[in-house]
Amino acid sequence: MFSNGTGPGASSLRVLALAAASDMGANTPIDFLTAGQDIALATLYLGPGVPVPAHIPAHDVAIVVAPSSEDGKHALAVIEKLAENWPVPVLNRPAQIRELERDRLYRNLGGISGLIIPPTLRLTCATLKSGIGLQFPLIIRPLGSHAGFGLAKLNDAPDLRAYLEERREDSFFVSPFTDYSGKDRLFRKYRIAMIDGRPFPVHMAIAEEWKVWYLNADMALNAAHRAEEAKFMQLFDENFGRRHAHALTQLAERVGLEYFLIDCAETIDGSLLIFEADHCAIVHDMDPVNVYPYKPGAMKNLFEAFGGMLRRRSLAAASRAA
C-alpha cells in the first residue's frame, strides 16, 4: 500500500498531509506552512465515498490536517485505523485532535496555574429553552460553527429566547462571558502557534468590541494598533512568551499535538485566557508588506520552525530504525 522510500533525501523532505475531503478551509492550510522550504508536500484526501488509494505517495513523515469537526469525522476514523501500521511518523494524531473540541478542551486544561479557560457545555435547544442552570451573560455558538458564525453574547433570558427563535441548529456550545478588556477598555486577542511545545506569535487584533477577529479589527486602518502588534511580535519571547511560559508549556503538554494554534487574551489580572485551540486555524504571510513590515520575519521564523519540526521527527524515526 505504501510506496515509500527508506528515509528523507539529503536535501528534501517528503511530507504527506492527511486531509478531509471537505470544503476549502476545513483542513490545516499546510501549504502556507511549508511554502518556500525544501519540502515536497503531497495531500491525501479522505472522506465518505472516497476510497483509500491502493498506493500512497512516498513520504518521510505524515501529519494529520483533517479537522475535529463533523467535516473531519470520517477522515479521522480512517486515519486512526491506517496509522496503526504506518511505516513513518504520523503527527497530530486523531485521538489528540478530537480533544480540541471546546467542551473537552476546557476539562483537559483545568488547574493550570496562570491559565483561565471558561467552562464550555454542549447543550441542546430544548435544554436551553428550559433555562435550568444558566447564568448570564453567556457566550453561545452552534456546534461546528467557525469564524464567528452564530456567535453571540446573551445578557438575559429574553436575549436567549430571541436568539433561539432565529436559529435552526439543535445543539450549541455555551460558556460564561469573560470580560478581557484592558484598562483602556479595548479588547486584545492573540493567535499563537505551538510548534513542538514552543510558542510563536501569529497576530494580535485590537478592537472596541469583544467579538474580535483580525479582519473585523481593521488593523490596517490604525497605525497605533499596528505599532502595538509589531512590538508584541518582535518582543514576544521577552514579554508575552515569558509572562505565560509556564501556562503555555503546560497547555502544550496536555494538548499533546506537535502543531496547533490557540486564540487567547490576557485578563486584567495577567492570566492567560484561552478561547480555543485548533490545528486548522489559518497562518499565512499574505499581508501587504508596506502596511505590515514587521510580519514577514515573524512568519518566516514560524514556517521554518514548522519545517524543522517535521524534519526532526522524520530523522529521529529514521535513526531509531537504522
C-alpha atoms as a PDB file:
ATOM      1  CA  MET A   1       0.000   0.000   0.000  1.00  0.00           C
ATOM      2  CA  PHE A   2       2.797   2.432   0.886  1.00  0.00           C
ATOM      3  CA  SER A   3       5.146   3.235  -1.980  1.00  0.00           C
ATOM      4  CA  ASN A   4       7.687   4.533   0.485  1.00  0.00           C
ATOM      5  CA  GLY A   5      11.455   5.020   0.477  1.00  0.00           C
ATOM      6  CA  THR A   6      13.843   4.351   3.350  1.00  0.00           C
ATOM      7  CA  GLY A   7      14.137   7.883   4.686  1.00  0.00           C
ATOM      8  CA  PRO A   8      14.477  11.564   3.776  1.00  0.00           C
ATOM      9  CA  GLY A   9      16.770  12.584   0.992  1.00  0.00           C
ATOM     10  CA  ALA A  10      19.838  14.698   1.634  1.00  0.00           C
ATOM     11  CA  SER A  11      18.169  17.922   0.553  1.00  0.00           C
ATOM     12  CA  SER A  12      14.435  17.245   0.509  1.00  0.00           C
ATOM     13  CA  LEU A  13      11.770  16.200   2.987  1.00  0.00           C
ATOM     14  CA  ARG A  14       8.683  14.404   1.697  1.00  0.00           C
ATOM     15  CA  VAL A  15       5.562  15.245   3.711  1.00  0.00           C
ATOM     16  CA  LEU A  16       2.139  13.658   3.384  1.00  0.00           C
ATOM     17  CA  ALA A  17      -0.818  15.687   4.670  1.00  0.00           C
ATOM     18  CA  LEU A  18      -3.817  13.552   5.678  1.00  0.00           C
ATOM     19  CA  ALA A  19      -6.884  15.674   4.978  1.00  0.00           C
ATOM     20  CA  ALA A  20     -10.659  15.513   4.963  1.00  0.00           C
ATOM     21  CA  ALA A  21     -12.409  15.598   1.594  1.00  0.00           C
ATOM     22  CA  SER A  22     -14.333  18.743   2.506  1.00  0.00           C
ATOM     23  CA  ASP A  23     -14.755  22.405   1.695  1.00  0.00           C
ATOM     24  CA  MET A  24     -11.769  24.673   1.290  1.00  0.00           C
ATOM     25  CA  GLY A  25     -10.724  25.940   4.672  1.00  0.00           C
ATOM     26  CA  ALA A  26     -11.717  22.850   6.651  1.00  0.00           C
ATOM     27  CA  ASN A  27      -8.199  21.399   6.837  1.00  0.00           C
ATOM     28  CA  THR A  28      -4.971  22.862   8.182  1.00  0.00           C
ATOM     29  CA  PRO A  29      -3.654  25.246   5.485  1.00  0.00           C
ATOM     30  CA  ILE A  30      -0.328  23.420   5.451  1.00  0.00           C
ATOM     31  CA  ASP A  31       0.643  24.840   2.060  1.00  0.00           C
ATOM     32  CA  PHE A  32       1.386  28.172   3.756  1.00  0.00           C
ATOM     33  CA  LEU A  33       3.441  26.491   6.468  1.00  0.00           C
ATOM     34  CA  THR A  34       5.704  24.620   4.038  1.00  0.00           C
ATOM     35  CA  ALA A  35       5.959  27.124   1.167  1.00  0.00           C
ATOM     36  CA  GLY A  36       9.449  28.241   0.209  1.00  0.00           C
ATOM     37  CA  GLN A  37      11.143  25.382   2.060  1.00  0.00           C
ATOM     38  CA  ASP A  38      12.892  22.279   0.780  1.00  0.00           C
ATOM     39  CA  ILE A  39       9.750  20.226   1.350  1.00  0.00           C
ATOM     40  CA  ALA A  40       7.832  18.099  -1.138  1.00  0.00           C
ATOM     41  CA  LEU A  41       4.192  18.162   0.004  1.00  0.00           C
ATOM     42  CA  ALA A  42       1.507  15.698  -1.074  1.00  0.00           C
ATOM     43  CA  THR A  43      -2.060  15.631   0.260  1.00  0.00           C
ATOM     44  CA  LEU A  44      -4.251  12.549   0.679  1.00  0.00           C
ATOM     45  CA  TYR A  45      -7.955  13.404   0.911  1.00  0.00           C
ATOM     46  CA  LEU A  46     -10.211  11.013   2.814  1.00  0.00           C
ATOM     47  CA  GLY A  47     -13.967  11.073   3.149  1.00  0.00           C
ATOM     48  CA  PRO A  48     -17.204   9.118   2.738  1.00  0.00           C
ATOM     49  CA  GLY A  49     -17.257   7.615  -0.719  1.00  0.00           C
ATOM     50  CA  VAL A  50     -13.597   8.483  -1.294  1.00  0.00           C
ATOM     51  CA  PRO A  51     -11.657   5.190  -1.303  1.00  0.00           C
ATOM     52  CA  VAL A  52      -8.165   4.981   0.112  1.00  0.00           C
ATOM     53  CA  PRO A  53      -5.828   4.665  -2.896  1.00  0.00           C
ATOM     54  CA  ALA A  54      -4.035   1.386  -3.456  1.00  0.00           C
ATOM     55  CA  HIS A  55      -0.689   3.195  -3.311  1.00  0.00           C
ATOM     56  CA  ILE A  56       0.064   6.144  -1.055  1.00  0.00           C
ATOM     57  CA  PRO A  57       2.766   8.587  -2.206  1.00  0.00           C
ATOM     58  CA  ALA A  58       6.239   8.048  -0.821  1.00  0.00           C
ATOM     59  CA  HIS A  59       6.849  10.234   2.210  1.00  0.00           C
ATOM     60  CA  ASP A  60       9.148  10.590   5.199  1.00  0.00           C
ATOM     61  CA  VAL A  61       6.628  11.965   7.681  1.00  0.00           C
ATOM     62  CA  ALA A  62       2.837  12.283   7.743  1.00  0.00           C
ATOM     63  CA  ILE A  63       0.743  14.894   9.521  1.00  0.00           C
ATOM     64  CA  VAL A  64      -2.991  14.897  10.084  1.00  0.00           C
ATOM     65  CA  VAL A  65      -4.607  18.108   8.851  1.00  0.00           C
ATOM     66  CA  ALA A  66      -8.246  16.935   8.961  1.00  0.00           C
ATOM     67  CA  PRO A  67     -10.430  18.916  11.396  1.00  0.00           C
ATOM     68  CA  SER A  68     -12.059  17.736  14.607  1.00  0.00           C
ATOM     69  CA  SER A  69     -15.468  18.949  13.437  1.00  0.00           C
ATOM     70  CA  GLU A  70     -18.105  16.897  11.635  1.00  0.00           C
ATOM     71  CA  ASP A  71     -16.288  17.616   8.356  1.00  0.00           C
ATOM     72  CA  GLY A  72     -13.325  15.551   9.509  1.00  0.00           C
ATOM     73  CA  LYS A  73     -15.053  12.794  11.465  1.00  0.00           C
ATOM     74  CA  HIS A  74     -14.816  10.148   8.747  1.00  0.00           C
ATOM     75  CA  ALA A  75     -11.271  11.097   7.768  1.00  0.00           C
ATOM     76  CA  LEU A  76     -10.033  10.905  11.363  1.00  0.00           C
ATOM     77  CA  ALA A  77     -11.563   7.454  11.785  1.00  0.00           C
ATOM     78  CA  VAL A  78      -9.878   6.170   8.620  1.00  0.00           C
ATOM     79  CA  ILE A  79      -6.554   7.748   9.551  1.00  0.00           C
ATOM     80  CA  GLU A  80      -6.677   6.260  13.032  1.00  0.00           C
ATOM     81  CA  LYS A  81      -7.021   2.771  11.606  1.00  0.00           C
ATOM     82  CA  LEU A  82      -4.359   3.270   8.943  1.00  0.00           C
ATOM     83  CA  ALA A  83      -1.909   4.782  11.436  1.00  0.00           C
ATOM     84  CA  GLU A  84      -1.751   1.555  13.435  1.00  0.00           C
ATOM     85  CA  ASN A  85       0.724   0.214  10.836  1.00  0.00           C
ATOM     86  CA  TRP A  86       2.130   3.404   9.356  1.00  0.00           C
ATOM     87  CA  PRO A  87       5.801   2.988   8.393  1.00  0.00           C
ATOM     88  CA  VAL A  88       6.800   6.608   9.195  1.00  0.00           C
ATOM     89  CA  PRO A  89       5.884   9.061  11.979  1.00  0.00           C
ATOM     90  CA  VAL A  90       2.287  10.300  11.980  1.00  0.00           C
ATOM     91  CA  LEU A  91       1.998  13.686  13.668  1.00  0.00           C
ATOM     92  CA  ASN A  92      -1.117  15.306  15.144  1.00  0.00           C
ATOM     93  CA  ARG A  93      -2.835  12.006  15.880  1.00  0.00           C
ATOM     94  CA  PRO A  94      -6.653  11.839  15.652  1.00  0.00           C
ATOM     95  CA  ALA A  95      -7.132  10.991  19.346  1.00  0.00           C
ATOM     96  CA  GLN A  96      -5.498  14.267  20.363  1.00  0.00           C
ATOM     97  CA  ILE A  97      -7.280  16.248  17.641  1.00  0.00           C
ATOM     98  CA  ARG A  98     -10.669  15.157  18.985  1.00  0.00           C
ATOM     99  CA  GLU A  99      -9.722  16.584  22.384  1.00  0.00           C
ATOM    100  CA  LEU A 100      -9.670  20.071  20.831  1.00  0.00           C
ATOM    101  CA  GLU A 101     -13.472  20.197  20.861  1.00  0.00           C
ATOM    102  CA  ARG A 102     -14.455  23.098  23.099  1.00  0.00           C
ATOM    103  CA  ASP A 103     -16.238  21.058  25.758  1.00  0.00           C
ATOM    104  CA  ARG A 104     -13.305  18.646  26.024  1.00  0.00           C
ATOM    105  CA  LEU A 105     -10.568  21.264  25.921  1.00  0.00           C
ATOM    106  CA  TYR A 106     -11.722  23.136  28.993  1.00  0.00           C
ATOM    107  CA  ARG A 107     -11.766  19.936  31.055  1.00  0.00           C
ATOM    108  CA  ASN A 108      -8.289  18.968  29.835  1.00  0.00           C
ATOM    109  CA  LEU A 109      -6.780  22.361  30.671  1.00  0.00           C
ATOM    110  CA  GLY A 110      -8.297  22.778  34.102  1.00  0.00           C
ATOM    111  CA  GLY A 111      -5.978  23.502  37.020  1.00  0.00           C
ATOM    112  CA  ILE A 112      -3.070  25.049  35.082  1.00  0.00           C
ATOM    113  CA  SER A 113      -1.584  27.882  37.103  1.00  0.00           C
ATOM    114  CA  GLY A 114      -1.915  31.248  35.366  1.00  0.00           C
ATOM    115  CA  LEU A 115      -4.385  29.933  32.780  1.00  0.00           C
ATOM    116  CA  ILE A 116      -8.136  30.525  32.570  1.00  0.00           C
ATOM    117  CA  ILE A 117     -10.485  28.684  30.247  1.00  0.00           C
ATOM    118  CA  PRO A 118     -14.228  29.203  30.760  1.00  0.00           C
ATOM    119  CA  PRO A 119     -16.267  26.025  31.204  1.00  0.00           C
ATOM    120  CA  THR A 120     -17.977  25.102  27.950  1.00  0.00           C
ATOM    121  CA  LEU A 121     -21.102  22.952  27.794  1.00  0.00           C
ATOM    122  CA  ARG A 122     -22.711  21.221  24.828  1.00  0.00           C
ATOM    123  CA  LEU A 123     -26.439  21.886  25.182  1.00  0.00           C
ATOM    124  CA  THR A 124     -29.498  21.137  23.050  1.00  0.00           C
ATOM    125  CA  CYS A 125     -32.065  23.732  22.087  1.00  0.00           C
ATOM    126  CA  ALA A 126     -34.598  22.079  24.390  1.00  0.00           C
ATOM    127  CA  THR A 127     -32.236  22.269  27.372  1.00  0.00           C
ATOM    128  CA  LEU A 128     -31.503  25.917  26.654  1.00  0.00           C
ATOM    129  CA  LYS A 129     -35.178  26.758  26.434  1.00  0.00           C
ATOM    130  CA  SER A 130     -35.683  25.291  29.899  1.00  0.00           C
ATOM    131  CA  GLY A 131     -33.168  27.811  31.244  1.00  0.00           C
ATOM    132  CA  ILE A 132     -32.113  25.446  34.006  1.00  0.00           C
ATOM    133  CA  GLY A 133     -28.671  26.200  35.410  1.00  0.00           C
ATOM    134  CA  LEU A 134     -27.879  29.029  33.009  1.00  0.00           C
ATOM    135  CA  GLN A 135     -26.020  32.092  34.222  1.00  0.00           C
ATOM    136  CA  PHE A 136     -25.848  35.328  32.246  1.00  0.00           C
ATOM    137  CA  PRO A 137     -24.102  36.897  30.472  1.00  0.00           C
ATOM    138  CA  LEU A 138     -23.096  33.919  28.354  1.00  0.00           C
ATOM    139  CA  ILE A 139     -21.497  33.174  25.013  1.00  0.00           C
ATOM    140  CA  ILE A 140     -23.289  30.857  22.616  1.00  0.00           C
ATOM    141  CA  ARG A 141     -22.458  29.388  19.210  1.00  0.00           C
ATOM    142  CA  PRO A 142     -23.817  26.469  17.146  1.00  0.00           C
ATOM    143  CA  LEU A 143     -21.826  23.239  17.238  1.00  0.00           C
ATOM    144  CA  GLY A 144     -19.375  23.033  14.358  1.00  0.00           C
ATOM    145  CA  SER A 145     -19.510  26.755  13.552  1.00  0.00           C
ATOM    146  CA  HIS A 146     -16.385  28.683  12.634  1.00  0.00           C
ATOM    147  CA  ALA A 147     -15.271  32.289  12.088  1.00  0.00           C
ATOM    148  CA  GLY A 148     -17.940  33.629  14.418  1.00  0.00           C
ATOM    149  CA  PHE A 149     -20.918  32.141  12.565  1.00  0.00           C
ATOM    150  CA  GLY A 150     -23.822  32.239  15.018  1.00  0.00           C
ATOM    151  CA  LEU A 151     -21.616  33.535  17.839  1.00  0.00           C
ATOM    152  CA  ALA A 152     -23.439  35.839  20.262  1.00  0.00           C
ATOM    153  CA  LYS A 153     -23.276  37.284  23.757  1.00  0.00           C
ATOM    154  CA  LEU A 154     -26.583  36.937  25.576  1.00  0.00           C
ATOM    155  CA  ASN A 155     -27.268  39.098  28.611  1.00  0.00           C
ATOM    156  CA  ASP A 156     -30.508  37.599  29.865  1.00  0.00           C
ATOM    157  CA  ALA A 157     -33.303  35.089  29.237  1.00  0.00           C
ATOM    158  CA  PRO A 158     -35.128  37.299  26.694  1.00  0.00           C
ATOM    159  CA  ASP A 159     -31.898  37.529  24.693  1.00  0.00           C
ATOM    160  CA  LEU A 160     -31.673  33.727  24.724  1.00  0.00           C
ATOM    161  CA  ARG A 161     -35.258  33.261  23.564  1.00  0.00           C
ATOM    162  CA  ALA A 162     -34.761  35.718  20.705  1.00  0.00           C
ATOM    163  CA  TYR A 163     -31.507  34.025  19.683  1.00  0.00           C
ATOM    164  CA  LEU A 164     -33.030  30.529  19.604  1.00  0.00           C
ATOM    165  CA  GLU A 165     -36.012  31.730  17.588  1.00  0.00           C
ATOM    166  CA  GLU A 166     -33.608  32.757  14.827  1.00  0.00           C
ATOM    167  CA  ARG A 167     -31.502  29.574  14.827  1.00  0.00           C
ATOM    168  CA  ARG A 168     -32.220  26.300  13.062  1.00  0.00           C
ATOM    169  CA  GLU A 169     -29.462  24.315  14.797  1.00  0.00           C
ATOM    170  CA  ASP A 170     -30.315  21.946  17.625  1.00  0.00           C
ATOM    171  CA  SER A 171     -27.021  21.873  19.561  1.00  0.00           C
ATOM    172  CA  PHE A 172     -24.837  24.679  20.858  1.00  0.00           C
ATOM    173  CA  PHE A 173     -21.676  25.375  22.824  1.00  0.00           C
ATOM    174  CA  VAL A 174     -22.372  27.638  25.795  1.00  0.00           C
ATOM    175  CA  SER A 175     -19.848  29.269  28.126  1.00  0.00           C
ATOM    176  CA  PRO A 176     -19.820  32.208  30.553  1.00  0.00           C
ATOM    177  CA  PHE A 177     -18.690  35.537  29.172  1.00  0.00           C
ATOM    178  CA  THR A 178     -15.314  36.748  30.452  1.00  0.00           C
ATOM    179  CA  ASP A 179     -14.552  40.433  30.120  1.00  0.00           C
ATOM    180  CA  TYR A 180     -10.992  40.575  28.809  1.00  0.00           C
ATOM    181  CA  SER A 181     -10.848  44.279  28.016  1.00  0.00           C
ATOM    182  CA  GLY A 182      -7.780  46.191  29.140  1.00  0.00           C
ATOM    183  CA  LYS A 183      -7.527  49.308  31.255  1.00  0.00           C
ATOM    184  CA  ASP A 184      -8.228  51.338  28.108  1.00  0.00           C
ATOM    185  CA  ARG A 185     -11.412  49.217  27.545  1.00  0.00           C
ATOM    186  CA  LEU A 186     -10.027  47.821  24.298  1.00  0.00           C
ATOM    187  CA  PHE A 187     -10.073  44.089  23.606  1.00  0.00           C
ATOM    188  CA  ARG A 188      -6.852  42.381  22.526  1.00  0.00           C
ATOM    189  CA  LYS A 189      -6.980  38.918  21.028  1.00  0.00           C
ATOM    190  CA  TYR A 190      -3.845  36.945  20.198  1.00  0.00           C
ATOM    191  CA  ARG A 191      -3.215  33.981  17.913  1.00  0.00           C
ATOM    192  CA  ILE A 192      -0.219  31.863  18.836  1.00  0.00           C
ATOM    193  CA  ALA A 193       1.178  28.800  17.093  1.00  0.00           C
ATOM    194  CA  MET A 194       2.536  25.989  19.255  1.00  0.00           C
ATOM    195  CA  ILE A 195       5.239  24.006  17.441  1.00  0.00           C
ATOM    196  CA  ASP A 196       6.804  21.128  19.352  1.00  0.00           C
ATOM    197  CA  GLY A 197       5.771  22.884  22.547  1.00  0.00           C
ATOM    198  CA  ARG A 198       7.285  26.256  21.624  1.00  0.00           C
ATOM    199  CA  PRO A 199       5.060  29.323  21.090  1.00  0.00           C
ATOM    200  CA  PHE A 200       5.295  31.600  18.052  1.00  0.00           C
ATOM    201  CA  PRO A 201       3.243  34.789  17.551  1.00  0.00           C
ATOM    202  CA  VAL A 202       0.863  34.829  14.587  1.00  0.00           C
ATOM    203  CA  HIS A 203      -1.035  38.076  15.091  1.00  0.00           C
ATOM    204  CA  MET A 204      -2.659  40.428  17.577  1.00  0.00           C
ATOM    205  CA  ALA A 205      -6.042  42.036  16.945  1.00  0.00           C
ATOM    206  CA  ILE A 206      -7.249  45.115  18.845  1.00  0.00           C
ATOM    207  CA  ALA A 207     -10.867  46.250  18.811  1.00  0.00           C
ATOM    208  CA  GLU A 208     -13.524  48.097  20.788  1.00  0.00           C
ATOM    209  CA  GLU A 209     -15.886  45.099  20.711  1.00  0.00           C
ATOM    210  CA  TRP A 210     -15.417  41.758  22.494  1.00  0.00           C
ATOM    211  CA  LYS A 211     -16.092  39.759  19.312  1.00  0.00           C
ATOM    212  CA  VAL A 212     -12.681  40.161  17.722  1.00  0.00           C
ATOM    213  CA  TRP A 213     -11.148  38.687  14.598  1.00  0.00           C
ATOM    214  CA  TYR A 214      -8.208  40.042  12.732  1.00  0.00           C
ATOM    215  CA  LEU A 215     -10.329  41.016   9.739  1.00  0.00           C
ATOM    216  CA  ASN A 216     -13.004  42.889  11.695  1.00  0.00           C
ATOM    217  CA  ALA A 217     -10.459  44.677  13.908  1.00  0.00           C
ATOM    218  CA  ASP A 218      -9.473  46.961  10.996  1.00  0.00           C
ATOM    219  CA  MET A 219      -5.812  46.771  11.947  1.00  0.00           C
ATOM    220  CA  ALA A 220      -4.831  48.077   8.519  1.00  0.00           C
ATOM    221  CA  LEU A 221      -6.599  51.359   9.295  1.00  0.00           C
ATOM    222  CA  ASN A 222      -4.983  52.025  12.669  1.00  0.00           C
ATOM    223  CA  ALA A 223      -1.262  52.768  12.779  1.00  0.00           C
ATOM    224  CA  ALA A 224      -1.159  52.839  16.594  1.00  0.00           C
ATOM    225  CA  HIS A 225      -2.672  49.362  16.807  1.00  0.00           C
ATOM    226  CA  ARG A 226      -0.213  48.060  14.229  1.00  0.00           C
ATOM    227  CA  ALA A 227       2.661  49.536  16.209  1.00  0.00           C
ATOM    228  CA  GLU A 228       1.427  47.679  19.270  1.00  0.00           C
ATOM    229  CA  GLU A 229       1.133  44.463  17.267  1.00  0.00           C
ATOM    230  CA  ALA A 230       4.652  44.950  15.919  1.00  0.00           C
ATOM    231  CA  LYS A 231       6.009  45.286  19.452  1.00  0.00           C
ATOM    232  CA  PHE A 232       4.048  42.187  20.531  1.00  0.00           C
ATOM    233  CA  MET A 233       5.538  40.126  17.713  1.00  0.00           C
ATOM    234  CA  GLN A 234       9.090  41.472  17.829  1.00  0.00           C
ATOM    235  CA  LEU A 235       9.418  41.162  21.623  1.00  0.00           C
ATOM    236  CA  PHE A 236       7.253  38.086  22.028  1.00  0.00           C
ATOM    237  CA  ASP A 237       9.881  35.872  23.683  1.00  0.00           C
ATOM    238  CA  GLU A 238      10.918  38.568  26.155  1.00  0.00           C
ATOM    239  CA  ASN A 239       7.402  39.763  27.037  1.00  0.00           C
ATOM    240  CA  PHE A 240       4.244  37.750  26.345  1.00  0.00           C
ATOM    241  CA  GLY A 241       6.048  34.437  25.942  1.00  0.00           C
ATOM    242  CA  ARG A 242       7.985  34.897  29.171  1.00  0.00           C
ATOM    243  CA  ARG A 243       4.942  36.040  31.186  1.00  0.00           C
ATOM    244  CA  HIS A 244       2.988  32.954  30.195  1.00  0.00           C
ATOM    245  CA  ALA A 245       5.827  30.459  29.801  1.00  0.00           C
ATOM    246  CA  HIS A 246       4.538  28.067  32.475  1.00  0.00           C
ATOM    247  CA  ALA A 247       0.938  28.151  31.254  1.00  0.00           C
ATOM    248  CA  LEU A 248       1.936  27.666  27.617  1.00  0.00           C
ATOM    249  CA  THR A 249       4.257  24.771  28.450  1.00  0.00           C
ATOM    250  CA  GLN A 250       1.589  23.017  30.488  1.00  0.00           C
ATOM    251  CA  LEU A 251      -1.023  23.674  27.798  1.00  0.00           C
ATOM    252  CA  ALA A 252       1.198  22.155  25.086  1.00  0.00           C
ATOM    253  CA  GLU A 253       1.856  19.059  27.174  1.00  0.00           C
ATOM    254  CA  ARG A 254      -1.828  18.467  27.851  1.00  0.00           C
ATOM    255  CA  VAL A 255      -2.934  19.064  24.257  1.00  0.00           C
ATOM    256  CA  GLY A 256      -0.255  16.652  23.050  1.00  0.00           C
ATOM    257  CA  LEU A 257      -0.137  17.777  19.414  1.00  0.00           C
ATOM    258  CA  GLU A 258       3.052  18.581  17.556  1.00  0.00           C
ATOM    259  CA  TYR A 259       1.378  21.580  15.915  1.00  0.00           C
ATOM    260  CA  PHE A 260      -1.687  23.598  16.889  1.00  0.00           C
ATOM    261  CA  LEU A 261      -2.802  27.167  17.485  1.00  0.00           C
ATOM    262  CA  ILE A 262      -4.528  28.977  20.298  1.00  0.00           C
ATOM    263  CA  ASP A 263      -6.669  32.093  20.250  1.00  0.00           C
ATOM    264  CA  CYS A 264      -6.253  33.798  23.589  1.00  0.00           C
ATOM    265  CA  ALA A 265      -6.173  37.026  25.586  1.00  0.00           C
ATOM    266  CA  GLU A 266      -4.839  38.395  28.844  1.00  0.00           C
ATOM    267  CA  THR A 267      -7.192  39.206  31.704  1.00  0.00           C
ATOM    268  CA  ILE A 268      -6.810  42.373  33.741  1.00  0.00           C
ATOM    269  CA  ASP A 269      -5.027  40.366  36.469  1.00  0.00           C
ATOM    270  CA  GLY A 270      -2.496  38.974  33.981  1.00  0.00           C
ATOM    271  CA  SER A 271      -3.863  35.460  33.473  1.00  0.00           C
ATOM    272  CA  LEU A 272      -3.792  33.772  30.067  1.00  0.00           C
ATOM    273  CA  LEU A 273      -7.389  33.433  28.863  1.00  0.00           C
ATOM    274  CA  ILE A 274      -7.905  30.623  26.335  1.00  0.00           C
ATOM    275  CA  PHE A 275     -10.746  30.885  23.824  1.00  0.00           C
ATOM    276  CA  GLU A 276      -9.957  27.856  21.693  1.00  0.00           C
ATOM    277  CA  ALA A 277      -7.229  25.577  20.414  1.00  0.00           C
ATOM    278  CA  ASP A 278      -7.260  24.371  16.835  1.00  0.00           C
ATOM    279  CA  HIS A 279      -4.755  22.851  14.417  1.00  0.00           C
ATOM    280  CA  CYS A 280      -6.663  24.144  11.372  1.00  0.00           C
ATOM    281  CA  ALA A 281      -6.690  27.902  12.050  1.00  0.00           C
ATOM    282  CA  ILE A 282      -5.064  29.882   9.298  1.00  0.00           C
ATOM    283  CA  VAL A 283      -1.485  31.141   9.414  1.00  0.00           C
ATOM    284  CA  HIS A 284      -0.233  32.983   6.333  1.00  0.00           C
ATOM    285  CA  ASP A 285       2.170  35.603   5.013  1.00  0.00           C
ATOM    286  CA  MET A 286      -0.168  37.348   2.573  1.00  0.00           C
ATOM    287  CA  ASP A 287      -0.491  40.679   4.418  1.00  0.00           C
ATOM    288  CA  PRO A 288       0.915  43.611   2.412  1.00  0.00           C
ATOM    289  CA  VAL A 289       4.482  44.336   3.488  1.00  0.00           C
ATOM    290  CA  ASN A 290       4.069  48.098   3.107  1.00  0.00           C
ATOM    291  CA  VAL A 291       1.341  48.015   5.791  1.00  0.00           C
ATOM    292  CA  TYR A 292       2.765  45.254   7.988  1.00  0.00           C
ATOM    293  CA  PRO A 293       6.573  45.435   7.551  1.00  0.00           C
ATOM    294  CA  TYR A 294       7.104  43.507  10.809  1.00  0.00           C
ATOM    295  CA  LYS A 295       5.258  40.370   9.717  1.00  0.00           C
ATOM    296  CA  PRO A 296       7.469  38.685   7.083  1.00  0.00           C
ATOM    297  CA  GLY A 297      10.289  37.993   9.534  1.00  0.00           C
ATOM    298  CA  ALA A 298       7.936  36.592  12.162  1.00  0.00           C
ATOM    299  CA  MET A 299       6.180  34.364   9.636  1.00  0.00           C
ATOM    300  CA  LYS A 300       9.480  33.155   8.232  1.00  0.00           C
ATOM    301  CA  ASN A 301      10.583  32.109  11.724  1.00  0.00           C
ATOM    302  CA  LEU A 302       7.293  30.289  12.294  1.00  0.00           C
ATOM    303  CA  PHE A 303       7.359  28.474   8.949  1.00  0.00           C
ATOM    304  CA  GLU A 304      10.970  27.405   9.412  1.00  0.00           C
ATOM    305  CA  ALA A 305      10.148  26.130  12.898  1.00  0.00           C
ATOM    306  CA  PHE A 306       7.317  24.068  11.428  1.00  0.00           C
ATOM    307  CA  GLY A 307       9.561  22.634   8.734  1.00  0.00           C
ATOM    308  CA  GLY A 308      12.276  21.961  11.292  1.00  0.00           C
ATOM    309  CA  MET A 309       9.819  20.099  13.489  1.00  0.00           C
ATOM    310  CA  LEU A 310       8.788  17.857  10.579  1.00  0.00           C
ATOM    311  CA  ARG A 311      12.400  17.173   9.694  1.00  0.00           C
ATOM    312  CA  ARG A 312      13.419  16.369  13.287  1.00  0.00           C
ATOM    313  CA  ARG A 313      10.572  13.914  13.672  1.00  0.00           C
ATOM    314  CA  SER A 314      11.464  12.196  10.425  1.00  0.00           C
ATOM    315  CA  LEU A 315      15.173  11.996  11.235  1.00  0.00           C
ATOM    316  CA  ALA A 316      14.528  10.711  14.743  1.00  0.00           C
ATOM    317  CA  ALA A 317      12.377   7.881  13.364  1.00  0.00           C
ATOM    318  CA  ALA A 318      14.970   7.066  10.702  1.00  0.00           C
ATOM    319  CA  SER A 319      17.706   6.917  13.372  1.00  0.00           C
ATOM    320  CA  ARG A 320      15.666   4.528  15.512  1.00  0.00           C
ATOM    321  CA  ALA A 321      15.045   2.293  12.521  1.00  0.00           C
ATOM    322  CA  ALA A 322      18.718   2.218  11.469  1.00  0.00           C
END
